[in-house]
Amino acid sequence: MRPSVLRRTTARAAALVLALGLALAGCGGDDDQPFAGRVLDNPYQVPETPLTDTDGQPFSLAADTDRRLTLVFFGYVNCVDICPAVLTNLASALVRLDDADRDDVQVVMVTSDPDRDTAPLLRDYLDRFDPDFVGLTGDWTTINDVAKQLAVGLDRRDPGGHTTQVMGIDSADEAPVYWGADTTPAQYAADIHTLLED
């Protein structure tokens, strides 16, 4: 895919959101599902910084994400509420996609608790949701640096004190869209299809 295709698609999605909003305001609403993600006017640049996957291999969110769309979430294994809910919603969204869309999407979770989330523990945790999910770890400073460049706030003293958005990374190594923790599987699936449609 050409690097600018996803950006053009997100721009079309933003226009669609505006058009739908105006149409719904005029007619009192209907059952059509608007684009749920937030499209950024200035996409975040994804850092080349390598982290480490659960096989112990270097993995960069820029260099090693080879799908048209990569969904990145920062979370941790001992999270009891938001992290499992987000991962469940992402896994449920993927099964709603047709094979072509599914093959173009990758899900990555970066641990916000590298002091406790060992690679085997992280792998076992993600396998409960989808064995294709990629788990990344590393030293705290590196993870925090990557998170900051994607506007994700982390707190080493409180791993649960992280922001909960899911970032969408395109093949141009930019993050032009994100979703909140309350995004439903149906919303993710619809948005993913919209973003990949071209």
N, C-alpha and C. Protein backbone atom coordinates (compact mmCIF):
# COMPACT_ATOMS: atom_id res chain seq x y z
N MET A 1 0.84 -1.20 0.00
CA MET A 1 0.00 0.00 0.00
C MET A 1 0.87 1.24 0.00
N ARG A 2 0.48 2.25 -0.75
CA ARG A 2 1.22 3.50 -0.76
C ARG A 2 1.05 4.18 0.59
N PRO A 3 2.13 4.83 1.12
CA PRO A 3 2.08 5.43 2.45
C PRO A 3 0.95 6.40 2.67
N SER A 4 0.54 7.11 1.63
CA SER A 4 -0.47 8.15 1.82
C SER A 4 -1.90 7.64 1.77
N VAL A 5 -2.10 6.36 1.42
CA VAL A 5 -3.47 5.86 1.24
C VAL A 5 -4.26 5.89 2.54
N LEU A 6 -3.66 5.41 3.64
CA LEU A 6 -4.40 5.40 4.90
C LEU A 6 -4.68 6.82 5.36
N ARG A 7 -3.73 7.74 5.13
CA ARG A 7 -3.96 9.12 5.52
C ARG A 7 -5.13 9.70 4.74
N ARG A 8 -5.19 9.41 3.42
CA ARG A 8 -6.32 9.89 2.62
C ARG A 8 -7.62 9.27 3.10
N THR A 9 -7.54 7.98 3.48
CA THR A 9 -8.74 7.30 3.96
C THR A 9 -9.20 7.90 5.28
N THR A 10 -8.25 8.23 6.17
CA THR A 10 -8.66 8.85 7.44
C THR A 10 -9.24 10.24 7.19
N ALA A 11 -8.72 10.94 6.19
CA ALA A 11 -9.29 12.24 5.87
C ALA A 11 -10.72 12.08 5.36
N ARG A 12 -10.93 11.04 4.52
CA ARG A 12 -12.30 10.77 4.05
C ARG A 12 -13.19 10.38 5.24
N ALA A 13 -12.62 9.62 6.18
CA ALA A 13 -13.41 9.23 7.36
C ALA A 13 -13.80 10.46 8.16
N ALA A 14 -12.87 11.41 8.29
CA ALA A 14 -13.19 12.64 9.02
C ALA A 14 -14.30 13.41 8.31
N ALA A 15 -14.22 13.47 6.98
CA ALA A 15 -15.27 14.15 6.21
C ALA A 15 -16.60 13.42 6.37
N LEU A 16 -16.53 12.08 6.39
CA LEU A 16 -17.73 11.28 6.58
C LEU A 16 -18.35 11.53 7.95
N VAL A 17 -17.49 11.62 8.97
CA VAL A 17 -17.99 11.91 10.32
C VAL A 17 -18.71 13.25 10.33
N LEU A 18 -18.12 14.26 9.71
CA LEU A 18 -18.75 15.58 9.66
C LEU A 18 -20.07 15.53 8.91
N ALA A 19 -20.06 14.88 7.75
CA ALA A 19 -21.29 14.78 6.95
C ALA A 19 -22.37 14.03 7.70
N LEU A 20 -21.98 12.93 8.34
CA LEU A 20 -22.97 12.16 9.11
C LEU A 20 -23.52 12.97 10.27
N GLY A 21 -22.61 13.72 10.93
CA GLY A 21 -23.06 14.54 12.05
C GLY A 21 -24.08 15.57 11.61
N LEU A 22 -23.82 16.21 10.47
CA LEU A 22 -24.76 17.20 9.96
C LEU A 22 -26.07 16.55 9.54
N ALA A 23 -25.98 15.40 8.90
CA ALA A 23 -27.19 14.72 8.45
C ALA A 23 -28.03 14.26 9.63
N LEU A 24 -27.35 13.71 10.64
CA LEU A 24 -28.07 13.22 11.81
C LEU A 24 -28.70 14.37 12.58
N ALA A 25 -27.99 15.49 12.63
CA ALA A 25 -28.56 16.65 13.32
C ALA A 25 -29.82 17.12 12.61
N GLY A 26 -29.84 17.01 11.29
CA GLY A 26 -30.98 17.49 10.52
C GLY A 26 -32.18 16.57 10.56
N CYS A 27 -31.93 15.25 10.75
CA CYS A 27 -33.08 14.34 10.66
C CYS A 27 -33.37 13.63 11.97
N GLY A 28 -32.71 14.01 13.03
CA GLY A 28 -33.03 13.40 14.32
C GLY A 28 -32.32 12.09 14.57
N GLY A 29 -31.42 11.68 13.69
CA GLY A 29 -30.61 10.49 13.95
C GLY A 29 -31.19 9.25 13.31
N ASP A 30 -30.33 8.22 13.13
CA ASP A 30 -30.77 6.93 12.64
C ASP A 30 -29.81 5.87 13.16
N ASP A 31 -29.89 4.66 12.62
CA ASP A 31 -29.10 3.56 13.15
C ASP A 31 -27.72 3.43 12.51
N ASP A 32 -27.38 4.28 11.53
CA ASP A 32 -26.05 4.22 10.93
C ASP A 32 -25.00 4.51 11.97
N GLN A 33 -23.89 3.77 11.87
CA GLN A 33 -22.83 3.92 12.85
C GLN A 33 -21.77 4.89 12.31
N PRO A 34 -21.58 6.04 12.94
CA PRO A 34 -20.55 6.97 12.49
C PRO A 34 -19.16 6.45 12.82
N PHE A 35 -18.15 7.05 12.22
CA PHE A 35 -16.76 6.70 12.50
C PHE A 35 -16.49 7.00 13.97
N ALA A 36 -16.04 6.00 14.73
CA ALA A 36 -15.88 6.14 16.17
C ALA A 36 -14.51 6.65 16.57
N GLY A 37 -13.51 6.44 15.72
CA GLY A 37 -12.15 6.88 16.05
C GLY A 37 -12.00 8.38 15.94
N ARG A 38 -10.93 8.86 16.53
CA ARG A 38 -10.61 10.29 16.46
C ARG A 38 -9.48 10.45 15.46
N VAL A 39 -9.75 11.17 14.37
CA VAL A 39 -8.76 11.41 13.33
C VAL A 39 -7.95 12.65 13.71
N LEU A 40 -6.63 12.51 13.69
CA LEU A 40 -5.74 13.59 14.09
C LEU A 40 -5.38 14.48 12.90
N ASP A 41 -5.43 15.78 13.10
CA ASP A 41 -5.01 16.71 12.05
C ASP A 41 -3.51 16.58 11.80
N ASN A 42 -2.75 16.35 12.86
CA ASN A 42 -1.30 16.18 12.77
C ASN A 42 -0.94 14.82 13.35
N PRO A 43 -0.82 13.81 12.50
CA PRO A 43 -0.53 12.45 12.99
C PRO A 43 0.76 12.40 13.79
N TYR A 44 0.79 11.50 14.79
CA TYR A 44 2.01 11.28 15.55
C TYR A 44 2.99 10.49 14.70
N GLN A 45 4.26 10.85 14.79
CA GLN A 45 5.32 10.10 14.12
C GLN A 45 5.69 8.91 15.01
N VAL A 46 5.65 7.72 14.44
CA VAL A 46 5.94 6.51 15.21
C VAL A 46 7.45 6.34 15.31
N PRO A 47 7.98 6.19 16.52
CA PRO A 47 9.43 6.08 16.68
C PRO A 47 9.99 4.76 16.16
N GLU A 48 11.23 4.81 15.70
CA GLU A 48 11.95 3.62 15.23
C GLU A 48 12.47 2.78 16.40
N THR A 49 12.42 3.32 17.58
CA THR A 49 13.00 2.68 18.77
C THR A 49 12.58 1.22 18.89
N PRO A 50 13.55 0.29 18.97
CA PRO A 50 13.17 -1.11 19.11
C PRO A 50 12.80 -1.46 20.54
N LEU A 51 11.71 -2.22 20.68
CA LEU A 51 11.35 -2.86 21.95
C LEU A 51 11.69 -4.33 21.78
N THR A 52 11.15 -5.20 22.62
CA THR A 52 11.45 -6.63 22.53
C THR A 52 10.15 -7.41 22.54
N ASP A 53 9.97 -8.31 21.55
CA ASP A 53 8.75 -9.10 21.51
C ASP A 53 8.85 -10.30 22.46
N THR A 54 7.78 -11.06 22.56
CA THR A 54 7.74 -12.16 23.53
C THR A 54 8.64 -13.33 23.14
N ASP A 55 9.20 -13.30 21.94
CA ASP A 55 10.21 -14.30 21.54
C ASP A 55 11.62 -13.80 21.80
N GLY A 56 11.73 -12.62 22.40
CA GLY A 56 13.05 -12.07 22.69
C GLY A 56 13.70 -11.36 21.53
N GLN A 57 12.93 -11.09 20.47
CA GLN A 57 13.48 -10.45 19.28
C GLN A 57 13.16 -8.95 19.28
N PRO A 58 14.06 -8.13 18.70
CA PRO A 58 13.78 -6.70 18.59
C PRO A 58 12.53 -6.46 17.74
N PHE A 59 11.74 -5.49 18.13
CA PHE A 59 10.50 -5.17 17.41
C PHE A 59 10.27 -3.67 17.53
N SER A 60 10.29 -3.00 16.38
CA SER A 60 10.04 -1.57 16.33
C SER A 60 8.63 -1.32 15.81
N LEU A 61 7.91 -0.42 16.45
CA LEU A 61 6.56 -0.09 16.00
C LEU A 61 6.58 0.57 14.62
N ALA A 62 7.73 1.11 14.22
CA ALA A 62 7.84 1.70 12.89
C ALA A 62 8.34 0.66 11.89
N ALA A 63 9.44 0.01 12.20
CA ALA A 63 10.10 -0.86 11.21
C ALA A 63 9.47 -2.24 11.07
N ASP A 64 8.83 -2.74 12.13
CA ASP A 64 8.38 -4.13 12.11
C ASP A 64 6.87 -4.31 12.07
N THR A 65 6.15 -3.24 11.88
CA THR A 65 4.70 -3.34 11.68
C THR A 65 4.46 -3.33 10.18
N ASP A 66 4.18 -4.52 9.63
CA ASP A 66 4.13 -4.65 8.18
C ASP A 66 2.72 -4.77 7.61
N ARG A 67 1.71 -4.56 8.43
CA ARG A 67 0.33 -4.59 7.93
C ARG A 67 -0.09 -3.18 7.54
N ARG A 68 -1.19 -3.08 6.83
CA ARG A 68 -1.69 -1.76 6.44
C ARG A 68 -2.14 -0.95 7.65
N LEU A 69 -2.61 -1.64 8.69
CA LEU A 69 -3.06 -0.96 9.91
C LEU A 69 -2.61 -1.77 11.12
N THR A 70 -1.92 -1.11 12.04
CA THR A 70 -1.51 -1.74 13.29
C THR A 70 -2.17 -0.99 14.44
N LEU A 71 -2.85 -1.73 15.29
CA LEU A 71 -3.52 -1.15 16.45
C LEU A 71 -2.64 -1.38 17.67
N VAL A 72 -2.23 -0.30 18.34
CA VAL A 72 -1.29 -0.39 19.46
C VAL A 72 -1.95 0.07 20.74
N PHE A 73 -1.81 -0.77 21.77
CA PHE A 73 -2.38 -0.48 23.08
C PHE A 73 -1.29 -0.67 24.14
N PHE A 74 -1.21 0.24 25.10
CA PHE A 74 -0.30 0.10 26.23
C PHE A 74 -1.11 -0.39 27.42
N GLY A 75 -0.72 -1.51 28.00
CA GLY A 75 -1.45 -2.09 29.13
C GLY A 75 -0.55 -3.02 29.90
N TYR A 76 -1.14 -3.77 30.83
CA TYR A 76 -0.31 -4.66 31.64
C TYR A 76 -1.12 -5.87 32.11
N VAL A 77 -0.40 -6.94 32.41
CA VAL A 77 -1.01 -8.23 32.70
C VAL A 77 -1.90 -8.21 33.93
N ASN A 78 -1.52 -7.51 34.98
CA ASN A 78 -2.29 -7.54 36.22
C ASN A 78 -3.45 -6.55 36.24
N CYS A 79 -3.72 -5.90 35.14
CA CYS A 79 -4.86 -5.00 35.03
C CYS A 79 -6.15 -5.83 35.12
N VAL A 80 -7.08 -5.39 35.93
CA VAL A 80 -8.29 -6.20 36.15
C VAL A 80 -9.52 -5.67 35.41
N ASP A 81 -9.43 -4.49 34.81
CA ASP A 81 -10.65 -3.96 34.20
C ASP A 81 -10.44 -3.45 32.77
N ILE A 82 -9.79 -2.32 32.62
CA ILE A 82 -9.73 -1.68 31.30
C ILE A 82 -8.94 -2.50 30.29
N CYS A 83 -7.75 -2.99 30.67
CA CYS A 83 -6.91 -3.72 29.69
C CYS A 83 -7.63 -4.94 29.13
N PRO A 84 -8.17 -5.83 29.98
CA PRO A 84 -8.87 -6.97 29.39
C PRO A 84 -10.10 -6.58 28.57
N ALA A 85 -10.76 -5.50 28.97
CA ALA A 85 -11.93 -5.06 28.20
C ALA A 85 -11.50 -4.58 26.81
N VAL A 86 -10.45 -3.78 26.74
CA VAL A 86 -9.96 -3.29 25.44
C VAL A 86 -9.50 -4.45 24.57
N LEU A 87 -8.71 -5.37 25.14
CA LEU A 87 -8.20 -6.50 24.36
C LEU A 87 -9.33 -7.41 23.90
N THR A 88 -10.34 -7.61 24.74
CA THR A 88 -11.50 -8.41 24.35
C THR A 88 -12.24 -7.74 23.19
N ASN A 89 -12.41 -6.42 23.28
CA ASN A 89 -13.09 -5.70 22.21
C ASN A 89 -12.32 -5.76 20.90
N LEU A 90 -10.99 -5.67 20.98
CA LEU A 90 -10.18 -5.77 19.77
C LEU A 90 -10.27 -7.17 19.17
N ALA A 91 -10.18 -8.19 20.02
CA ALA A 91 -10.29 -9.57 19.52
C ALA A 91 -11.66 -9.82 18.89
N SER A 92 -12.70 -9.31 19.54
CA SER A 92 -14.06 -9.48 19.01
C SER A 92 -14.23 -8.72 17.70
N ALA A 93 -13.59 -7.56 17.59
CA ALA A 93 -13.68 -6.79 16.35
C ALA A 93 -13.04 -7.55 15.19
N LEU A 94 -11.91 -8.19 15.44
CA LEU A 94 -11.20 -8.88 14.38
C LEU A 94 -12.01 -10.03 13.80
N VAL A 95 -12.78 -10.73 14.64
CA VAL A 95 -13.57 -11.85 14.12
C VAL A 95 -14.77 -11.36 13.30
N ARG A 96 -15.09 -10.09 13.41
CA ARG A 96 -16.17 -9.50 12.61
C ARG A 96 -15.71 -9.10 11.22
N LEU A 97 -14.39 -9.07 11.00
CA LEU A 97 -13.85 -8.64 9.72
C LEU A 97 -13.85 -9.77 8.71
N ASP A 98 -13.92 -9.41 7.42
CA ASP A 98 -13.73 -10.44 6.40
C ASP A 98 -12.24 -10.77 6.33
N ASP A 99 -11.89 -11.85 5.65
CA ASP A 99 -10.51 -12.32 5.62
C ASP A 99 -9.55 -11.27 5.08
N ALA A 100 -9.96 -10.54 4.06
CA ALA A 100 -9.07 -9.54 3.46
C ALA A 100 -8.72 -8.44 4.45
N ASP A 101 -9.74 -7.93 5.16
CA ASP A 101 -9.47 -6.90 6.16
C ASP A 101 -8.65 -7.47 7.32
N ARG A 102 -9.00 -8.66 7.75
CA ARG A 102 -8.30 -9.27 8.90
C ARG A 102 -6.82 -9.43 8.62
N ASP A 103 -6.49 -9.81 7.40
CA ASP A 103 -5.08 -10.02 7.03
C ASP A 103 -4.29 -8.71 7.01
N ASP A 104 -4.99 -7.58 6.95
CA ASP A 104 -4.32 -6.28 6.87
C ASP A 104 -4.19 -5.58 8.23
N VAL A 105 -4.60 -6.28 9.31
CA VAL A 105 -4.60 -5.66 10.63
C VAL A 105 -3.72 -6.46 11.60
N GLN A 106 -2.95 -5.72 12.39
CA GLN A 106 -2.11 -6.32 13.42
C GLN A 106 -2.43 -5.62 14.73
N VAL A 107 -2.46 -6.38 15.84
CA VAL A 107 -2.68 -5.79 17.16
C VAL A 107 -1.42 -6.00 18.00
N VAL A 108 -0.97 -4.92 18.62
CA VAL A 108 0.24 -4.96 19.45
C VAL A 108 -0.09 -4.37 20.81
N MET A 109 0.31 -5.08 21.88
CA MET A 109 0.22 -4.52 23.22
C MET A 109 1.62 -4.33 23.76
N VAL A 110 1.91 -3.10 24.19
CA VAL A 110 3.18 -2.78 24.84
C VAL A 110 2.91 -2.74 26.34
N THR A 111 3.71 -3.47 27.12
CA THR A 111 3.46 -3.47 28.55
C THR A 111 3.79 -2.12 29.18
N SER A 112 2.95 -1.71 30.11
CA SER A 112 3.23 -0.51 30.90
C SER A 112 3.82 -0.90 32.25
N ASP A 113 4.09 -2.21 32.44
CA ASP A 113 4.64 -2.72 33.70
C ASP A 113 5.78 -3.71 33.41
N PRO A 114 6.86 -3.21 32.79
CA PRO A 114 7.94 -4.12 32.39
C PRO A 114 8.67 -4.77 33.55
N ASP A 115 8.56 -4.18 34.75
CA ASP A 115 9.22 -4.77 35.91
C ASP A 115 8.59 -6.11 36.30
N ARG A 116 7.31 -6.29 35.99
CA ARG A 116 6.63 -7.55 36.35
C ARG A 116 6.20 -8.38 35.15
N ASP A 117 5.93 -7.74 34.03
CA ASP A 117 5.44 -8.47 32.86
C ASP A 117 6.60 -9.10 32.08
N THR A 118 6.98 -10.30 32.48
CA THR A 118 8.01 -11.02 31.74
C THR A 118 7.45 -11.42 30.37
N ALA A 119 8.34 -11.75 29.46
CA ALA A 119 7.91 -12.15 28.12
C ALA A 119 6.96 -13.36 28.16
N PRO A 120 7.29 -14.44 28.92
CA PRO A 120 6.36 -15.58 28.96
C PRO A 120 5.00 -15.22 29.56
N LEU A 121 5.01 -14.38 30.59
CA LEU A 121 3.76 -13.96 31.23
C LEU A 121 2.92 -13.14 30.25
N LEU A 122 3.57 -12.24 29.53
CA LEU A 122 2.87 -11.41 28.55
C LEU A 122 2.30 -12.26 27.41
N ARG A 123 3.09 -13.24 26.94
CA ARG A 123 2.62 -14.13 25.87
C ARG A 123 1.41 -14.94 26.31
N ASP A 124 1.48 -15.50 27.51
CA ASP A 124 0.37 -16.28 28.03
C ASP A 124 -0.88 -15.43 28.17
N TYR A 125 -0.72 -14.20 28.63
CA TYR A 125 -1.84 -13.28 28.80
C TYR A 125 -2.50 -12.96 27.46
N LEU A 126 -1.71 -12.60 26.46
CA LEU A 126 -2.27 -12.23 25.17
C LEU A 126 -2.91 -13.41 24.45
N ASP A 127 -2.37 -14.61 24.67
CA ASP A 127 -2.95 -15.81 24.05
C ASP A 127 -4.39 -16.04 24.48
N ARG A 128 -4.77 -15.53 25.62
CA ARG A 128 -6.16 -15.67 26.09
C ARG A 128 -7.12 -14.87 25.23
N PHE A 129 -6.60 -13.84 24.58
CA PHE A 129 -7.44 -12.99 23.73
C PHE A 129 -7.31 -13.38 22.26
N ASP A 130 -6.07 -13.47 21.78
CA ASP A 130 -5.81 -13.85 20.40
C ASP A 130 -4.33 -14.19 20.29
N PRO A 131 -4.00 -15.40 19.88
CA PRO A 131 -2.58 -15.79 19.81
C PRO A 131 -1.79 -15.00 18.77
N ASP A 132 -2.47 -14.28 17.89
CA ASP A 132 -1.76 -13.46 16.90
C ASP A 132 -1.39 -12.08 17.44
N PHE A 133 -1.93 -11.70 18.61
CA PHE A 133 -1.56 -10.41 19.19
C PHE A 133 -0.07 -10.42 19.52
N VAL A 134 0.60 -9.32 19.22
CA VAL A 134 2.03 -9.18 19.50
C VAL A 134 2.19 -8.50 20.85
N GLY A 135 3.06 -9.05 21.69
CA GLY A 135 3.36 -8.45 22.99
C GLY A 135 4.76 -7.88 22.99
N LEU A 136 4.91 -6.65 23.50
CA LEU A 136 6.22 -6.01 23.53
C LEU A 136 6.58 -5.56 24.94
N THR A 137 7.85 -5.69 25.25
CA THR A 137 8.37 -5.23 26.53
C THR A 137 9.71 -4.55 26.28
N GLY A 138 10.40 -4.22 27.34
CA GLY A 138 11.69 -3.53 27.25
C GLY A 138 11.97 -2.89 28.58
N ASP A 139 13.00 -2.06 28.65
CA ASP A 139 13.24 -1.36 29.91
C ASP A 139 12.27 -0.19 30.02
N TRP A 140 12.03 0.22 31.25
CA TRP A 140 11.02 1.25 31.50
C TRP A 140 11.28 2.54 30.72
N THR A 141 12.52 2.99 30.70
CA THR A 141 12.84 4.26 30.05
C THR A 141 12.50 4.22 28.56
N THR A 142 12.84 3.11 27.90
CA THR A 142 12.57 2.98 26.47
C THR A 142 11.08 2.93 26.20
N ILE A 143 10.35 2.13 26.98
CA ILE A 143 8.90 2.05 26.80
C ILE A 143 8.25 3.42 27.01
N ASN A 144 8.67 4.11 28.04
CA ASN A 144 8.10 5.42 28.34
C ASN A 144 8.40 6.41 27.22
N ASP A 145 9.59 6.34 26.65
CA ASP A 145 9.96 7.23 25.55
C ASP A 145 9.07 6.97 24.33
N VAL A 146 8.86 5.69 23.99
CA VAL A 146 8.00 5.34 22.87
C VAL A 146 6.57 5.83 23.13
N ALA A 147 6.10 5.60 24.35
CA ALA A 147 4.73 6.02 24.72
C ALA A 147 4.55 7.53 24.57
N LYS A 148 5.53 8.29 25.06
CA LYS A 148 5.42 9.75 24.98
C LYS A 148 5.31 10.23 23.54
N GLN A 149 6.05 9.59 22.64
CA GLN A 149 6.01 10.01 21.25
C GLN A 149 4.66 9.71 20.60
N LEU A 150 3.87 8.84 21.23
CA LEU A 150 2.53 8.53 20.74
C LEU A 150 1.45 9.17 21.62
N ALA A 151 1.87 10.12 22.48
CA ALA A 151 0.96 10.84 23.37
C ALA A 151 0.26 9.92 24.36
N VAL A 152 0.96 8.85 24.78
CA VAL A 152 0.43 7.94 25.79
C VAL A 152 1.18 8.21 27.09
N GLY A 153 0.43 8.57 28.13
CA GLY A 153 1.05 8.83 29.42
C GLY A 153 1.15 7.57 30.25
N LEU A 154 2.34 7.32 30.83
CA LEU A 154 2.56 6.17 31.70
C LEU A 154 3.05 6.64 33.06
N ASP A 155 2.85 5.80 34.08
CA ASP A 155 3.30 6.11 35.44
C ASP A 155 3.96 4.86 36.00
N ARG A 156 5.26 4.91 36.18
CA ARG A 156 5.99 3.71 36.64
C ARG A 156 5.52 3.26 38.01
N ARG A 157 5.16 4.20 38.89
CA ARG A 157 4.72 3.82 40.24
C ARG A 157 3.34 3.19 40.23
N ASP A 158 2.57 3.48 39.18
CA ASP A 158 1.21 2.94 39.07
C ASP A 158 0.97 2.50 37.63
N PRO A 159 1.26 1.22 37.30
CA PRO A 159 1.08 0.76 35.92
C PRO A 159 -0.33 0.97 35.39
N GLY A 160 -1.30 1.04 36.30
CA GLY A 160 -2.67 1.28 35.88
C GLY A 160 -2.95 2.73 35.57
N GLY A 161 -1.96 3.59 35.81
CA GLY A 161 -2.14 5.01 35.58
C GLY A 161 -1.81 5.43 34.16
N HIS A 162 -2.00 4.53 33.20
CA HIS A 162 -1.69 4.86 31.81
C HIS A 162 -2.96 5.32 31.08
N THR A 163 -2.75 6.11 30.03
CA THR A 163 -3.89 6.47 29.20
C THR A 163 -4.31 5.23 28.41
N THR A 164 -5.55 5.18 27.99
CA THR A 164 -6.10 3.92 27.49
C THR A 164 -6.48 3.93 26.02
N GLN A 165 -5.98 4.89 25.27
CA GLN A 165 -6.34 4.90 23.86
C GLN A 165 -5.64 3.79 23.08
N VAL A 166 -6.25 3.40 21.99
CA VAL A 166 -5.66 2.47 21.03
C VAL A 166 -5.25 3.29 19.82
N MET A 167 -3.96 3.27 19.50
CA MET A 167 -3.44 4.06 18.39
C MET A 167 -3.48 3.25 17.10
N GLY A 168 -3.83 3.88 16.00
CA GLY A 168 -3.80 3.24 14.69
C GLY A 168 -2.57 3.71 13.92
N ILE A 169 -1.68 2.77 13.58
CA ILE A 169 -0.45 3.10 12.85
C ILE A 169 -0.59 2.65 11.40
N ASP A 170 -0.21 3.53 10.48
CA ASP A 170 -0.30 3.20 9.07
C ASP A 170 1.06 2.79 8.51
N SER A 171 1.11 2.48 7.22
CA SER A 171 2.34 2.02 6.60
C SER A 171 3.35 3.14 6.37
N ALA A 172 2.95 4.38 6.65
CA ALA A 172 3.88 5.51 6.57
C ALA A 172 4.54 5.77 7.92
N ASP A 173 4.32 4.85 8.89
CA ASP A 173 4.87 4.98 10.24
C ASP A 173 4.36 6.23 10.94
N GLU A 174 3.08 6.49 10.71
CA GLU A 174 2.39 7.57 11.41
C GLU A 174 1.17 7.00 12.10
N ALA A 175 0.75 7.69 13.17
CA ALA A 175 -0.47 7.32 13.87
C ALA A 175 -1.50 8.43 13.65
N PRO A 176 -2.35 8.29 12.62
CA PRO A 176 -3.30 9.36 12.29
C PRO A 176 -4.66 9.23 12.97
N VAL A 177 -4.86 8.17 13.75
CA VAL A 177 -6.18 7.94 14.35
C VAL A 177 -6.01 7.19 15.67
N TYR A 178 -6.94 7.43 16.60
CA TYR A 178 -6.96 6.65 17.84
C TYR A 178 -8.40 6.45 18.30
N TRP A 179 -8.56 5.45 19.18
CA TRP A 179 -9.87 5.12 19.73
C TRP A 179 -9.81 5.14 21.25
N GLY A 180 -10.94 5.47 21.89
CA GLY A 180 -11.02 5.46 23.34
C GLY A 180 -11.32 4.07 23.87
N ALA A 181 -11.17 3.91 25.17
CA ALA A 181 -11.34 2.60 25.82
C ALA A 181 -12.77 2.09 25.73
N ASP A 182 -13.72 2.97 25.48
CA ASP A 182 -15.12 2.55 25.43
C ASP A 182 -15.59 2.18 24.02
N THR A 183 -14.66 2.11 23.07
CA THR A 183 -15.03 1.73 21.70
C THR A 183 -15.48 0.27 21.67
N THR A 184 -16.60 0.01 21.02
CA THR A 184 -17.16 -1.34 20.99
C THR A 184 -16.54 -2.16 19.85
N PRO A 185 -16.66 -3.50 19.91
CA PRO A 185 -16.18 -4.33 18.79
C PRO A 185 -16.80 -3.93 17.46
N ALA A 186 -18.09 -3.63 17.45
CA ALA A 186 -18.75 -3.24 16.20
C ALA A 186 -18.18 -1.93 15.67
N GLN A 187 -17.90 -0.99 16.56
CA GLN A 187 -17.31 0.28 16.12
C GLN A 187 -15.91 0.08 15.57
N TYR A 188 -15.10 -0.72 16.27
CA TYR A 188 -13.75 -1.01 15.76
C TYR A 188 -13.84 -1.65 14.38
N ALA A 189 -14.68 -2.67 14.25
CA ALA A 189 -14.78 -3.39 12.97
C ALA A 189 -15.21 -2.45 11.85
N ALA A 190 -16.19 -1.61 12.11
CA ALA A 190 -16.67 -0.67 11.09
C ALA A 190 -15.57 0.33 10.72
N ASP A 191 -14.88 0.85 11.73
CA ASP A 191 -13.81 1.82 11.46
C ASP A 191 -12.65 1.17 10.70
N ILE A 192 -12.27 -0.02 11.10
CA ILE A 192 -11.17 -0.72 10.41
C ILE A 192 -11.53 -0.92 8.94
N HIS A 193 -12.75 -1.35 8.69
CA HIS A 193 -13.17 -1.54 7.30
C HIS A 193 -13.12 -0.23 6.52
N THR A 194 -13.58 0.84 7.15
CA THR A 194 -13.54 2.16 6.51
C THR A 194 -12.11 2.57 6.19
N LEU A 195 -11.20 2.37 7.14
CA LEU A 195 -9.81 2.77 6.95
C LEU A 195 -9.10 1.94 5.88
N LEU A 196 -9.48 0.69 5.76
CA LEU A 196 -8.81 -0.18 4.78
C LEU A 196 -9.46 -0.15 3.41
N GLU A 197 -10.62 0.45 3.34
CA GLU A 197 -11.37 0.50 2.09
C GLU A 197 -10.73 1.49 1.14
N ASP A 198 -10.30 1.04 0.00
CA ASP A 198 -9.74 1.93 -1.01
C ASP A 198 -9.58 1.18 -2.30
